[in-house]
Amino acid sequence: MKASQILGFIFSIILVLAGLCQVYPKDGVTVFDKKFLFPDLEEALSHKSADRVSAAEELKRVEESMALFVQDSLAQVAKADSLALVDTIRTYAKFFREHPSRFHLPNGEPNGLFSFFQAIEKCKSKKEVVHILHYGDSQIEGDRISGYIRQSFQEKFGGYGPGLLPAIQPIPSTAISQMCSDSLPRFLISGTLRQKAEHNRYGALGQVAELDGMCTITVMARQMKNTFSRTKKFSNIKLFVGNNKGAFLATLVANGKDKEKNYIGESQKGLNVLSWNLDSMVSKVSIRLSGKAEIYGISVDGKYGVAVDNIPMRGSSGTFFSSIDRNTVQPMLKALNAKLILMEYGGNSVPYLNSDKTISGYKTTMAQQLKYMKRIYPDAQYMLIGPADMSMVVDGKLQSYPRLEMVIDSLKSAALDGGAMFWDMYQVMGGKNSMQKWVGNSPAWAAPDYIHFTRKGADRISEIFVETMVNYYDYYRFLQRHEDKRQYIENLMKTVELKAVEETKEE
């Protein structure tokens, strides 16, 4: 092909795209409940479109500032003098106070995660599993975000398997394939009226399947390229069953052989936990069930370590927790040994919160959810994760939702007032209009609906979350190494401003 023909071809493509910019509906088109937007001609030709590819550079700068923090603090700790100690405290204080990826903790105290750190450090010696429950909306479907967090924690503190699973799993996941031999009625706390049960016994997953007869549930680890390695094998299985009417029998099948049978001989109200501990790791198990009972979930774990449970609820705003019967969710959380509960919500509410009154109402409702959970299960730490940036067409141009920042601020306030932590995913992304850059990144970190992350984008935001958690764990370990100066360090962290630290150094 001649150069003139190539040039003509490129020019024709530009004309077609320009035409699409002109005729494409400004408010986008909806396909399968997802809205897809297209930039107008001015936006497509402006220098701003080139800025979108800078999402990787922006996030890289965030990571570099975190890495410098860790390297600096560890280097300073290596120096055994008081000036180095104070300088390290200053570095931690600056991160906890200013860094965009920091966790916002009640009263600004950075020790809010210490009980969680203590629990996961003892997993191996106590031969127990600690669960992290990750609730969210469609942003975490398919094990997105949860999977990366799980792999990172399990590599450091031990653990295998995907964690807690529902009896029926209709949403495809990169972690696990599930099958049920019969069609069990399935009810959702966060579903439509037709999807809700006549009772509120939904358990920790916010859903329940009702067995009346026989069925076999099979759980098999996927072997896909993007399936995290620690998810692919497991050895400890628990079945959460309740309110059985008459005898109930559960038989585990692994490696083609029946294992120990678990039998409930008579009708019982409340929760029963049936357990199987295998001698070796497997990647597939089946549980044959017989009887009439409510099935709240199955946990698939290693012998000890950390489990991270992916609990997506499409379309949910996170306002359902206080509607779940405490007599099923409380003992289930205790049996899971849950020590950290993440609640990632807000994105589904943003489009409908169009006034100060509605935003205030959502804040009040979310505060009630946190208070309810902390009251019925105080043994875990709670963290509310705010929504990512979201784009809509405003005056013919893609922009962040006008009241998004107000919604995020209200959620942060609800979390802190309720004694929970808050993580601002919007700020980590880059703040206002950052979603456009994530969509335009190469490879794309967000979908063309300008709301959801792609798999690569979900992994990137997960990396920042994990690296932030590492910094708080680093501070926890720092205090342990300087136990003799702990009171001094904690007092200084509570009151210090950068200027005050400099004055202390000079003295």
Protein backbone atom coordinates (compact mmCIF):
# COMPACT_ATOMS: atom_id res chain seq x y z
CA MET A 1 0.00 0.00 0.00
CA LYS A 2 1.30 3.43 -0.96
CA ALA A 3 1.99 6.09 1.63
CA SER A 4 -0.82 8.26 0.21
CA GLN A 5 -3.26 5.34 0.56
CA ILE A 6 -2.21 4.73 4.17
CA LEU A 7 -2.64 8.43 4.95
CA GLY A 8 -6.07 8.41 3.28
CA PHE A 9 -7.11 5.35 5.28
CA ILE A 10 -6.08 6.96 8.59
CA PHE A 11 -7.89 10.17 7.66
CA SER A 12 -11.08 8.24 6.84
CA ILE A 13 -10.96 6.51 10.23
CA ILE A 14 -10.65 9.91 11.93
CA LEU A 15 -13.68 11.16 9.98
CA VAL A 16 -15.72 8.11 11.04
CA LEU A 17 -14.79 8.64 14.69
CA ALA A 18 -15.61 12.33 14.40
CA GLY A 19 -19.00 11.40 12.99
CA LEU A 20 -19.62 9.02 15.89
CA CYS A 21 -18.76 11.80 18.32
CA GLN A 22 -21.46 13.94 16.70
CA VAL A 23 -24.29 11.40 16.51
CA TYR A 24 -23.63 9.29 19.63
CA PRO A 25 -26.18 10.16 22.38
CA LYS A 26 -24.63 12.56 24.85
CA ASP A 27 -26.05 10.66 27.80
CA GLY A 28 -24.67 7.36 26.45
CA VAL A 29 -26.42 4.10 25.63
CA THR A 30 -27.46 1.30 27.99
CA VAL A 31 -26.57 -2.32 27.21
CA PHE A 32 -27.40 -5.09 29.71
CA ASP A 33 -27.97 -2.56 32.52
CA LYS A 34 -24.62 -0.85 31.91
CA LYS A 35 -24.25 2.61 30.44
CA PHE A 36 -21.51 3.25 27.87
CA LEU A 37 -20.37 6.79 27.15
CA PHE A 38 -18.55 8.30 24.17
CA PRO A 39 -16.60 11.60 24.25
CA ASP A 40 -17.86 14.54 22.19
CA LEU A 41 -15.72 15.88 19.33
CA GLU A 42 -14.22 18.73 21.34
CA GLU A 43 -13.19 16.40 24.13
CA ALA A 44 -11.81 13.79 21.72
CA LEU A 45 -9.62 16.34 19.93
CA SER A 46 -8.52 18.28 23.00
CA HIS A 47 -5.23 17.80 24.79
CA LYS A 48 -7.21 16.45 27.77
CA SER A 49 -7.72 13.10 26.04
CA ALA A 50 -3.97 12.59 26.04
CA ASP A 51 -3.95 13.23 29.79
CA ARG A 52 -5.96 10.09 30.36
CA VAL A 53 -2.97 7.84 29.82
CA SER A 54 -1.31 9.42 32.87
CA ALA A 55 -3.33 7.30 35.30
CA ALA A 56 -0.43 4.84 35.54
CA GLU A 57 2.03 7.63 36.29
CA GLU A 58 -0.25 9.15 38.92
CA LEU A 59 -0.69 5.84 40.71
CA LYS A 60 3.02 5.16 40.40
CA ARG A 61 3.74 8.40 42.25
CA VAL A 62 1.35 7.32 45.01
CA GLU A 63 3.17 4.00 45.32
CA GLU A 64 6.60 5.61 45.24
CA SER A 65 5.67 7.92 48.10
CA MET A 66 4.56 4.88 50.08
CA ALA A 67 7.72 2.94 49.26
CA LEU A 68 9.91 5.88 50.23
CA PHE A 69 8.05 6.03 53.51
CA VAL A 70 8.78 2.41 54.30
CA GLN A 71 12.40 2.52 53.17
CA ASP A 72 13.04 5.72 55.09
CA SER A 73 11.47 4.45 58.27
CA LEU A 74 13.32 1.14 58.22
CA ALA A 75 16.61 2.86 57.47
CA GLN A 76 16.09 5.25 60.36
CA VAL A 77 15.13 2.48 62.75
CA ALA A 78 18.45 0.82 61.99
CA LYS A 79 20.20 3.82 63.59
CA ALA A 80 20.17 3.42 67.34
CA ASP A 81 19.93 7.06 68.36
CA SER A 82 17.12 9.28 69.57
CA LEU A 83 17.24 11.62 66.58
CA ALA A 84 16.62 8.71 64.22
CA LEU A 85 13.75 7.50 66.38
CA VAL A 86 12.03 10.88 66.33
CA ASP A 87 12.62 11.18 62.59
CA THR A 88 10.93 7.83 62.09
CA ILE A 89 7.96 8.92 64.18
CA ARG A 90 7.72 12.06 62.06
CA THR A 91 7.66 9.95 58.90
CA TYR A 92 4.87 7.74 60.21
CA ALA A 93 2.92 10.76 61.47
CA LYS A 94 3.11 12.46 58.09
CA PHE A 95 1.87 9.35 56.29
CA PHE A 96 -1.03 8.78 58.69
CA ARG A 97 -2.06 12.43 58.45
CA GLU A 98 -1.49 13.38 54.81
CA HIS A 99 -1.07 10.48 52.42
CA PRO A 100 -4.01 9.99 49.99
CA SER A 101 -4.00 6.23 50.57
CA ARG A 102 -4.04 6.44 54.37
CA PHE A 103 -6.73 4.82 56.44
CA HIS A 104 -8.90 7.34 58.25
CA LEU A 105 -9.18 6.01 61.79
CA PRO A 106 -11.44 7.05 64.69
CA ASN A 107 -9.80 9.80 66.76
CA GLY A 108 -6.89 9.76 64.32
CA GLU A 109 -5.15 6.99 66.27
CA PRO A 110 -3.06 4.68 64.03
CA ASN A 111 -3.43 1.70 66.38
CA GLY A 112 -6.97 0.88 65.21
CA LEU A 113 -5.80 -2.28 63.42
CA PHE A 114 -3.55 -3.64 66.16
CA SER A 115 -5.98 -6.28 67.44
CA PHE A 116 -6.39 -7.53 63.87
CA PHE A 117 -2.61 -7.69 63.39
CA GLN A 118 -2.26 -9.61 66.65
CA ALA A 119 -4.86 -12.13 65.51
CA ILE A 120 -3.30 -12.85 62.11
CA GLU A 121 0.18 -13.13 63.63
CA LYS A 122 -1.08 -15.90 65.91
CA CYS A 123 -2.76 -17.93 63.15
CA LYS A 124 0.09 -20.38 62.74
CA SER A 125 0.85 -20.96 66.41
CA LYS A 126 -2.83 -21.33 67.33
CA LYS A 127 -3.58 -23.40 64.19
CA GLU A 128 -6.64 -21.33 63.38
CA VAL A 129 -8.07 -19.43 60.43
CA VAL A 130 -8.87 -15.71 60.66
CA HIS A 131 -11.51 -14.47 58.22
CA ILE A 132 -11.68 -11.08 56.52
CA LEU A 133 -15.18 -10.50 55.12
CA HIS A 134 -15.21 -8.23 52.07
CA TYR A 135 -18.73 -7.00 51.36
CA GLY A 136 -19.37 -4.90 48.27
CA ASP A 137 -21.44 -4.28 45.18
CA SER A 138 -20.73 -5.29 41.56
CA GLN A 139 -17.31 -3.59 41.79
CA ILE A 140 -15.99 -6.73 43.53
CA GLU A 141 -17.87 -9.38 41.56
CA GLY A 142 -15.90 -12.34 40.25
CA ASP A 143 -13.40 -12.14 43.15
CA ARG A 144 -12.08 -8.78 41.96
CA ILE A 145 -10.13 -6.83 44.62
CA SER A 146 -10.81 -9.55 47.23
CA GLY A 147 -8.66 -12.06 45.33
CA TYR A 148 -5.55 -9.87 45.32
CA ILE A 149 -5.99 -8.97 49.00
CA ARG A 150 -6.43 -12.67 49.84
CA GLN A 151 -3.31 -13.77 47.98
CA SER A 152 -1.21 -11.06 49.62
CA PHE A 153 -2.32 -11.89 53.16
CA GLN A 154 -2.03 -15.64 52.64
CA GLU A 155 1.50 -15.33 51.28
CA LYS A 156 2.57 -13.41 54.39
CA PHE A 157 0.56 -15.06 57.16
CA GLY A 158 -0.44 -18.42 55.69
CA GLY A 159 -3.74 -19.69 54.45
CA TYR A 160 -5.31 -21.36 51.42
CA GLY A 161 -8.65 -21.53 49.68
CA PRO A 162 -11.25 -18.96 48.62
CA GLY A 163 -12.95 -18.63 52.00
CA LEU A 164 -16.69 -18.36 52.53
CA LEU A 165 -18.99 -19.31 49.63
CA PRO A 166 -22.77 -19.44 49.19
CA ALA A 167 -24.53 -22.73 48.54
CA ILE A 168 -25.61 -21.38 45.14
CA GLN A 169 -23.19 -19.15 43.22
CA PRO A 170 -24.74 -17.64 40.05
CA ILE A 171 -21.96 -15.09 39.50
CA PRO A 172 -18.92 -16.45 37.60
CA SER A 173 -15.67 -16.15 39.54
CA THR A 174 -12.01 -16.50 38.62
CA ALA A 175 -11.47 -18.28 41.93
CA ILE A 176 -14.02 -21.07 42.16
CA SER A 177 -16.46 -23.05 40.05
CA GLN A 178 -19.58 -24.21 41.89
CA MET A 179 -22.34 -26.63 40.94
CA CYS A 180 -25.47 -27.87 42.64
CA SER A 181 -27.17 -31.07 41.52
CA ASP A 182 -30.64 -29.69 42.21
CA SER A 183 -32.30 -26.29 41.95
CA LEU A 184 -32.53 -25.02 45.52
CA PRO A 185 -34.68 -21.98 46.38
CA ARG A 186 -32.26 -19.09 47.02
CA PHE A 187 -33.14 -15.88 48.85
CA LEU A 188 -31.22 -12.59 49.08
CA ILE A 189 -31.36 -9.89 51.74
CA SER A 190 -30.33 -7.32 49.13
CA GLY A 191 -32.56 -8.60 46.34
CA THR A 192 -35.97 -7.68 44.97
CA LEU A 193 -39.16 -8.51 46.86
CA ARG A 194 -39.47 -11.75 44.89
CA GLN A 195 -35.92 -12.72 45.91
CA LYS A 196 -36.49 -12.19 49.63
CA ALA A 197 -37.37 -14.91 52.10
CA GLU A 198 -40.38 -14.86 54.41
CA HIS A 199 -37.92 -14.61 57.30
CA ASN A 200 -34.67 -12.69 57.91
CA ARG A 201 -32.34 -15.61 58.62
CA TYR A 202 -29.78 -14.89 55.91
CA GLY A 203 -26.49 -15.47 57.74
CA ALA A 204 -23.20 -13.67 57.14
CA LEU A 205 -23.46 -13.89 53.33
CA GLY A 206 -26.80 -12.13 53.23
CA GLN A 207 -28.37 -15.08 51.43
CA VAL A 208 -29.82 -18.49 52.21
CA ALA A 209 -30.66 -21.63 50.23
CA GLU A 210 -33.43 -23.92 51.44
CA LEU A 211 -32.95 -27.67 51.13
CA ASP A 212 -35.88 -30.05 51.21
CA GLY A 213 -34.71 -33.45 50.03
CA MET A 214 -31.30 -34.29 48.58
CA CYS A 215 -28.63 -32.47 46.61
CA THR A 216 -24.89 -32.41 46.05
CA ILE A 217 -22.88 -29.15 46.12
CA THR A 218 -19.51 -29.28 44.34
CA VAL A 219 -16.75 -26.71 44.84
CA MET A 220 -13.79 -26.80 42.45
CA ALA A 221 -10.87 -24.39 42.24
CA ARG A 222 -10.45 -22.83 38.83
CA GLN A 223 -7.09 -23.24 37.12
CA MET A 224 -7.26 -20.05 35.05
CA LYS A 225 -4.27 -17.86 34.33
CA ASN A 226 -5.59 -15.10 36.60
CA THR A 227 -6.63 -17.45 39.43
CA PHE A 228 -4.42 -16.71 42.41
CA SER A 229 -2.29 -19.70 43.42
CA ARG A 230 -3.34 -19.86 47.08
CA THR A 231 -6.99 -20.16 46.07
CA LYS A 232 -6.38 -23.35 44.11
CA LYS A 233 -6.13 -25.76 47.05
CA PHE A 234 -7.69 -26.25 50.47
CA SER A 235 -8.09 -28.78 53.25
CA ASN A 236 -10.61 -27.54 55.85
CA ILE A 237 -14.31 -27.43 54.99
CA LYS A 238 -17.20 -26.06 57.05
CA LEU A 239 -20.92 -26.19 56.27
CA PHE A 240 -23.17 -23.61 57.92
CA VAL A 241 -26.66 -25.05 58.30
CA GLY A 242 -29.61 -24.03 60.45
CA ASN A 243 -33.19 -24.70 61.52
CA ASN A 244 -33.26 -28.27 60.26
CA LYS A 245 -36.58 -30.07 60.44
CA GLY A 246 -35.86 -33.66 61.40
CA ALA A 247 -32.64 -35.56 60.71
CA PHE A 248 -29.98 -33.93 58.51
CA LEU A 249 -27.01 -35.69 56.91
CA ALA A 250 -23.95 -34.18 55.18
CA THR A 251 -21.22 -36.32 53.59
CA LEU A 252 -17.99 -34.87 52.21
CA VAL A 253 -16.50 -36.44 49.07
CA ALA A 254 -12.83 -35.71 48.30
CA ASN A 255 -10.42 -37.52 45.96
CA GLY A 256 -13.32 -39.70 44.90
CA LYS A 257 -13.88 -41.08 48.40
CA ASP A 258 -16.50 -40.46 51.07
CA LYS A 259 -15.03 -38.83 54.15
CA GLU A 260 -16.51 -38.51 57.61
CA LYS A 261 -20.29 -38.06 57.69
CA ASN A 262 -21.85 -35.31 59.78
CA TYR A 263 -25.24 -36.08 61.21
CA ILE A 264 -27.82 -34.00 63.07
CA GLY A 265 -30.26 -36.46 64.59
CA GLU A 266 -33.25 -34.28 65.35
CA SER A 267 -34.84 -30.91 64.62
CA GLN A 268 -32.79 -28.00 65.90
CA LYS A 269 -33.26 -24.26 65.83
CA GLY A 270 -30.36 -21.89 65.25
CA LEU A 271 -26.99 -22.44 63.56
CA ASN A 272 -25.03 -25.68 63.28
CA VAL A 273 -21.48 -25.81 61.91
CA LEU A 274 -20.39 -29.13 60.37
CA SER A 275 -16.63 -29.47 59.79
CA TRP A 276 -14.21 -31.68 57.87
CA ASN A 277 -10.41 -31.50 58.22
CA LEU A 278 -8.58 -33.30 55.40
CA ASP A 279 -5.09 -34.71 55.81
CA SER A 280 -3.93 -33.31 52.47
CA MET A 281 -4.76 -30.42 50.16
CA VAL A 282 -7.37 -30.90 47.45
CA SER A 283 -8.72 -28.70 44.67
CA LYS A 284 -12.22 -30.17 44.54
CA VAL A 285 -14.79 -31.33 47.08
CA SER A 286 -18.44 -32.29 47.00
CA ILE A 287 -20.93 -32.31 49.87
CA ARG A 288 -23.93 -34.62 49.64
CA LEU A 289 -26.85 -33.23 51.63
CA SER A 290 -30.02 -34.94 52.76
CA GLY A 291 -32.81 -33.45 54.86
CA LYS A 292 -34.73 -30.23 55.30
CA ALA A 293 -32.73 -27.20 56.44
CA GLU A 294 -31.45 -23.71 55.65
CA ILE A 295 -27.96 -23.57 54.11
CA TYR A 296 -26.12 -20.33 54.90
CA GLY A 297 -22.77 -21.07 53.26
CA ILE A 298 -19.63 -23.18 52.94
CA SER A 299 -16.14 -22.11 54.01
CA VAL A 300 -13.22 -23.61 52.09
CA ASP A 301 -9.90 -22.87 53.79
CA GLY A 302 -6.46 -24.13 54.78
CA LYS A 303 -5.56 -25.51 58.20
CA TYR A 304 -4.52 -22.08 59.47
CA GLY A 305 -3.85 -18.58 58.20
CA VAL A 306 -6.00 -15.88 56.63
CA ALA A 307 -9.17 -16.25 54.58
CA VAL A 308 -10.68 -13.40 52.58
CA ASP A 309 -14.35 -13.83 51.70
CA ASN A 310 -15.62 -12.18 48.52
CA ILE A 311 -19.28 -11.15 49.12
CA PRO A 312 -20.61 -9.16 46.14
CA MET A 313 -24.20 -7.91 46.04
CA ARG A 314 -25.07 -6.40 42.68
CA GLY A 315 -26.99 -3.14 42.98
CA SER A 316 -26.63 -2.95 46.76
CA SER A 317 -25.97 0.25 48.71
CA GLY A 318 -24.98 -1.57 51.90
CA THR A 319 -28.09 -0.66 53.86
CA PHE A 320 -29.23 -4.22 54.62
CA PHE A 321 -27.04 -5.36 57.54
CA SER A 322 -29.43 -4.32 60.31
CA SER A 323 -32.19 -6.36 58.63
CA ILE A 324 -30.38 -9.70 59.07
CA ASP A 325 -31.36 -11.83 62.04
CA ARG A 326 -28.60 -11.48 64.62
CA ASN A 327 -29.14 -15.07 65.82
CA THR A 328 -27.80 -16.42 62.52
CA VAL A 329 -25.17 -13.84 61.57
CA GLN A 330 -23.59 -13.46 65.03
CA PRO A 331 -22.73 -17.15 65.66
CA MET A 332 -21.67 -17.52 62.04
CA LEU A 333 -19.17 -14.65 62.33
CA LYS A 334 -17.88 -16.16 65.55
CA ALA A 335 -17.47 -19.59 63.94
CA LEU A 336 -15.57 -17.94 61.08
CA ASN A 337 -13.31 -16.14 63.58
CA ALA A 338 -13.93 -12.90 61.67
CA LYS A 339 -11.47 -10.16 62.70
CA LEU A 340 -11.81 -7.59 59.90
CA ILE A 341 -14.98 -6.64 58.02
CA LEU A 342 -14.70 -4.48 54.91
CA MET A 343 -17.81 -2.75 53.55
CA GLU A 344 -17.30 -1.30 50.07
CA TYR A 345 -20.42 0.66 49.17
CA GLY A 346 -21.77 3.96 47.92
CA GLY A 347 -21.43 3.67 44.13
CA ASN A 348 -24.99 2.49 43.58
CA SER A 349 -26.38 5.35 45.66
CA VAL A 350 -24.42 8.21 44.09
CA PRO A 351 -26.71 8.70 41.03
CA TYR A 352 -29.75 9.09 43.29
CA LEU A 353 -28.29 11.29 46.04
CA ASN A 354 -29.06 14.64 44.45
CA SER A 355 -29.65 16.82 47.50
CA ASP A 356 -28.17 17.56 50.91
CA LYS A 357 -31.19 15.87 52.49
CA THR A 358 -30.79 12.56 50.62
CA ILE A 359 -27.04 12.50 51.28
CA SER A 360 -27.63 13.12 54.98
CA GLY A 361 -30.22 10.33 55.02
CA TYR A 362 -27.77 7.87 53.44
CA LYS A 363 -25.12 8.84 55.97
CA THR A 364 -27.54 8.18 58.83
CA THR A 365 -28.52 4.79 57.41
CA MET A 366 -24.91 3.67 56.90
CA ALA A 367 -24.03 4.79 60.42
CA GLN A 368 -26.88 2.60 61.68
CA GLN A 369 -25.50 -0.40 59.76
CA LEU A 370 -22.07 0.00 61.33
CA LYS A 371 -23.46 0.46 64.83
CA TYR A 372 -25.65 -2.62 64.45
CA MET A 373 -22.76 -4.81 63.30
CA LYS A 374 -20.39 -3.51 65.97
CA ARG A 375 -23.06 -4.12 68.61
CA ILE A 376 -23.85 -7.71 67.65
CA TYR A 377 -20.25 -8.63 66.79
CA PRO A 378 -17.65 -6.44 68.53
CA ASP A 379 -14.79 -8.91 68.00
CA ALA A 380 -13.93 -7.55 64.53
CA GLN A 381 -12.52 -4.28 63.24
CA TYR A 382 -14.73 -2.53 60.68
CA MET A 383 -13.71 -0.49 57.64
CA LEU A 384 -16.00 1.35 55.24
CA ILE A 385 -14.50 1.75 51.74
CA GLY A 386 -15.89 4.68 49.77
CA PRO A 387 -16.85 4.51 46.09
CA ALA A 388 -14.45 4.97 43.20
CA ASP A 389 -14.68 7.96 40.92
CA MET A 390 -17.69 7.76 38.58
CA SER A 391 -18.35 9.77 35.43
CA MET A 392 -21.51 11.15 33.89
CA VAL A 393 -22.25 13.64 31.13
CA VAL A 394 -22.58 17.18 32.50
CA ASP A 395 -23.18 19.99 29.98
CA GLY A 396 -22.18 17.62 27.17
CA LYS A 397 -18.89 16.57 28.79
CA LEU A 398 -17.77 13.63 30.87
CA GLN A 399 -17.23 14.69 34.49
CA SER A 400 -17.29 13.17 37.95
CA TYR A 401 -20.75 13.03 39.48
CA PRO A 402 -21.35 16.53 40.91
CA ARG A 403 -22.14 15.36 44.46
CA LEU A 404 -19.75 12.42 44.59
CA GLU A 405 -17.30 14.12 46.94
CA MET A 406 -20.14 15.10 49.28
CA VAL A 407 -21.29 11.48 49.41
CA ILE A 408 -17.75 10.30 50.17
CA ASP A 409 -17.34 12.87 52.94
CA SER A 410 -20.64 11.79 54.47
CA LEU A 411 -19.59 8.13 54.41
CA LYS A 412 -16.28 8.98 56.04
CA SER A 413 -18.11 10.87 58.75
CA ALA A 414 -20.51 7.97 59.29
CA ALA A 415 -17.62 5.54 59.64
CA LEU A 416 -15.56 7.63 62.06
CA ASP A 417 -18.57 8.61 64.17
CA GLY A 418 -19.44 4.92 64.44
CA GLY A 419 -15.96 3.87 65.54
CA ALA A 420 -15.04 2.34 62.17
CA MET A 421 -12.22 3.07 59.73
CA PHE A 422 -12.58 4.61 56.28
CA TRP A 423 -10.56 4.21 53.07
CA ASP A 424 -11.01 6.83 50.35
CA MET A 425 -10.66 4.92 47.07
CA TYR A 426 -11.66 8.07 45.14
CA GLN A 427 -8.61 9.99 46.39
CA VAL A 428 -6.31 7.03 45.76
CA MET A 429 -7.44 6.99 42.11
CA GLY A 430 -6.55 10.67 41.75
CA GLY A 431 -9.75 12.44 42.77
CA LYS A 432 -12.00 14.39 40.43
CA ASN A 433 -12.24 13.09 36.85
CA SER A 434 -9.68 10.36 37.54
CA MET A 435 -12.05 7.70 36.16
CA GLN A 436 -11.60 9.14 32.68
CA LYS A 437 -7.87 8.56 32.99
CA TRP A 438 -8.41 5.02 34.24
CA VAL A 439 -10.63 4.23 31.24
CA GLY A 440 -8.08 5.79 28.88
CA ASN A 441 -5.10 4.06 30.44
CA SER A 442 -3.25 1.46 28.38
CA PRO A 443 -4.17 -1.22 29.30
CA ALA A 444 -7.58 0.05 30.41
CA TRP A 445 -8.04 0.06 34.18
CA ALA A 446 -11.76 0.79 34.00
CA ALA A 447 -14.64 -0.21 31.73
CA PRO A 448 -16.31 2.11 29.17
CA ASP A 449 -19.27 2.53 31.52
CA TYR A 450 -16.94 4.83 33.51
CA ILE A 451 -17.98 3.10 36.75
CA HIS A 452 -16.44 -0.36 37.06
CA PHE A 453 -12.78 -1.39 37.20
CA THR A 454 -11.39 -3.88 34.73
CA ARG A 455 -9.53 -6.87 36.14
CA LYS A 456 -6.22 -5.00 35.79
CA GLY A 457 -7.68 -1.89 37.39
CA ALA A 458 -9.08 -3.92 40.29
CA ASP A 459 -5.64 -5.45 40.85
CA ARG A 460 -4.00 -2.00 40.83
CA ILE A 461 -6.38 -0.53 43.42
CA SER A 462 -5.95 -3.71 45.48
CA GLU A 463 -2.18 -3.28 45.42
CA ILE A 464 -2.48 0.19 46.90
CA PHE A 465 -4.84 -1.10 49.61
CA VAL A 466 -2.41 -3.89 50.54
CA GLU A 467 0.61 -1.55 50.52
CA THR A 468 -1.28 0.83 52.79
CA MET A 469 -2.09 -2.02 55.15
CA VAL A 470 1.61 -2.97 55.14
CA ASN A 471 2.55 0.51 56.32
CA TYR A 472 0.20 0.24 59.30
CA TYR A 473 1.56 -3.21 60.04
CA ASP A 474 5.08 -1.78 59.76
CA TYR A 475 4.18 0.79 62.44
CA TYR A 476 2.72 -1.98 64.63
CA ARG A 477 5.99 -3.89 64.33
CA PHE A 478 7.96 -0.69 64.93
CA LEU A 479 6.23 -0.27 68.30
CA GLN A 480 6.99 -3.88 69.16
CA ARG A 481 10.68 -3.34 68.43
CA HIS A 482 10.68 -0.28 70.69
CA GLU A 483 8.47 -1.59 73.48
CA ASP A 484 10.55 0.24 76.08
CA LYS A 485 9.69 3.57 74.39
CA ARG A 486 6.13 2.67 73.44
CA GLN A 487 4.37 5.16 75.70
CA TYR A 488 6.63 7.97 74.52
CA ILE A 489 6.05 7.07 70.86
CA GLU A 490 2.26 6.76 71.20
CA ASN A 491 2.00 10.07 73.08
CA LEU A 492 4.08 11.79 70.43
CA MET A 493 1.99 10.28 67.60
CA LYS A 494 -1.19 11.64 69.21
CA THR A 495 -0.03 15.20 69.64
CA VAL A 496 2.79 15.86 67.23
CA GLU A 497 2.72 18.28 64.35
CA LEU A 498 5.70 18.41 62.02
CA LYS A 499 6.94 21.63 63.60
CA ALA A 500 6.76 20.11 67.08
CA VAL A 501 8.79 17.12 65.91
CA GLU A 502 11.47 19.42 64.51
CA GLU A 503 11.63 21.24 67.82
CA THR A 504 12.04 17.92 69.64
CA LYS A 505 14.91 16.99 67.33
CA GLU A 506 16.67 20.29 68.02
CA GLU A 507 16.47 19.68 71.76
